[in-house]
């Protein structure tokens, strides 16, 4: 069973949270996820700037 991700450096840009974590191979990954009810947007990126750009440009369509 895989272990859950431990996020650090979590920031909130509007309804979207951006956080960094280490994957199972020790590489740093960045995730952006919308916290609005019924939205369901989430994505993983290699660079933090890409995750923050996705968070800034995200428009919810619940």
C-alpha atoms as a PDB file:
ATOM      1  CA  UNK A   1       0.000   0.000   0.000  1.00  0.00           C
ATOM      2  CA  UNK A   2       1.526   3.378  -0.988  1.00  0.00           C
ATOM      3  CA  UNK A   3       2.178   5.925   1.683  1.00  0.00           C
ATOM      4  CA  UNK A   4       0.267   9.240   1.549  1.00  0.00           C
ATOM      5  CA  UNK A   5       1.994  12.370   0.303  1.00  0.00           C
ATOM      6  CA  UNK A   6       3.356  14.749   2.951  1.00  0.00           C
ATOM      7  CA  UNK A   7       2.945  18.239   1.577  1.00  0.00           C
ATOM      8  CA  UNK A   8       5.148  21.155   2.550  1.00  0.00           C
ATOM      9  CA  UNK A   9       5.298  24.764   1.383  1.00  0.00           C
ATOM     10  CA  UNK A  10       1.525  24.869   0.890  1.00  0.00           C
ATOM     11  CA  UNK A  11       0.031  28.135  -0.374  1.00  0.00           C
ATOM     12  CA  UNK A  12      -3.457  29.153  -1.350  1.00  0.00           C
ATOM     13  CA  UNK A  13      -4.228  31.158  -4.497  1.00  0.00           C
ATOM     14  CA  UNK A  14      -7.959  31.811  -4.536  1.00  0.00           C
ATOM     15  CA  UNK A  15      -9.765  28.484  -4.139  1.00  0.00           C
ATOM     16  CA  UNK A  16      -6.708  26.509  -5.319  1.00  0.00           C
ATOM     17  CA  UNK A  17      -4.047  25.150  -2.996  1.00  0.00           C
ATOM     18  CA  UNK A  18      -0.517  24.536  -4.269  1.00  0.00           C
ATOM     19  CA  UNK A  19       1.790  22.228  -2.362  1.00  0.00           C
ATOM     20  CA  UNK A  20       5.148  20.512  -2.815  1.00  0.00           C
ATOM     21  CA  UNK A  21       5.978  16.911  -1.934  1.00  0.00           C
ATOM     22  CA  UNK A  22       8.539  14.186  -2.575  1.00  0.00           C
ATOM     23  CA  UNK A  23       7.396  11.260  -4.705  1.00  0.00           C
ATOM     24  CA  UNK A  24       8.368   7.657  -3.931  1.00  0.00           C
ATOM     25  CA  UNK A  25      11.703   8.097  -5.740  1.00  0.00           C
ATOM     26  CA  UNK A  26      12.775  11.206  -3.839  1.00  0.00           C
ATOM     27  CA  UNK A  27      11.991  13.718  -6.595  1.00  0.00           C
ATOM     28  CA  UNK A  28      10.223  16.949  -5.776  1.00  0.00           C
ATOM     29  CA  UNK A  29       6.764  17.309  -7.317  1.00  0.00           C
ATOM     30  CA  UNK A  30       4.197  20.080  -7.062  1.00  0.00           C
ATOM     31  CA  UNK A  31       0.445  19.718  -6.962  1.00  0.00           C
ATOM     32  CA  UNK A  32      -2.406  22.171  -7.538  1.00  0.00           C
ATOM     33  CA  UNK A  33      -5.905  21.265  -6.325  1.00  0.00           C
ATOM     34  CA  UNK A  34      -9.125  23.265  -6.178  1.00  0.00           C
ATOM     35  CA  UNK A  35     -10.956  23.164  -2.845  1.00  0.00           C
ATOM     36  CA  UNK A  36     -14.320  24.441  -4.139  1.00  0.00           C
ATOM     37  CA  UNK A  37     -17.179  21.968  -3.615  1.00  0.00           C
ATOM     38  CA  UNK A  38     -17.924  19.967  -6.749  1.00  0.00           C
ATOM     39  CA  UNK A  39     -14.974  21.262  -8.786  1.00  0.00           C
ATOM     40  CA  UNK A  40     -12.559  18.317  -8.843  1.00  0.00           C
ATOM     41  CA  UNK A  41      -9.596  20.117 -10.460  1.00  0.00           C
ATOM     42  CA  UNK A  42      -6.181  18.760  -9.531  1.00  0.00           C
ATOM     43  CA  UNK A  43      -2.895  18.420 -11.395  1.00  0.00           C
ATOM     44  CA  UNK A  44       0.736  17.514 -10.711  1.00  0.00           C
ATOM     45  CA  UNK A  45       3.709  19.425 -12.105  1.00  0.00           C
ATOM     46  CA  UNK A  46       7.485  19.126 -12.114  1.00  0.00           C
ATOM     47  CA  UNK A  47       8.025  22.866 -11.531  1.00  0.00           C
ATOM     48  CA  UNK A  48       6.448  25.021  -8.849  1.00  0.00           C
ATOM     49  CA  UNK A  49       5.931  27.937 -11.247  1.00  0.00           C
ATOM     50  CA  UNK A  50       3.760  25.759 -13.498  1.00  0.00           C
ATOM     51  CA  UNK A  51       1.566  24.735 -10.565  1.00  0.00           C
ATOM     52  CA  UNK A  52       1.179  28.353  -9.460  1.00  0.00           C
ATOM     53  CA  UNK A  53       0.300  29.437 -13.003  1.00  0.00           C
ATOM     54  CA  UNK A  54      -2.381  26.737 -13.174  1.00  0.00           C
ATOM     55  CA  UNK A  55      -3.751  27.939  -9.835  1.00  0.00           C
ATOM     56  CA  UNK A  56      -3.901  31.555 -10.980  1.00  0.00           C
ATOM     57  CA  UNK A  57      -5.644  30.776 -14.276  1.00  0.00           C
ATOM     58  CA  UNK A  58      -8.082  28.127 -12.971  1.00  0.00           C
ATOM     59  CA  UNK A  59     -11.799  28.857 -13.369  1.00  0.00           C
ATOM     60  CA  UNK A  60     -14.242  26.636 -11.488  1.00  0.00           C
ATOM     61  CA  UNK A  61     -17.079  24.928 -13.348  1.00  0.00           C
ATOM     62  CA  UNK A  62     -18.898  22.857 -10.735  1.00  0.00           C
END
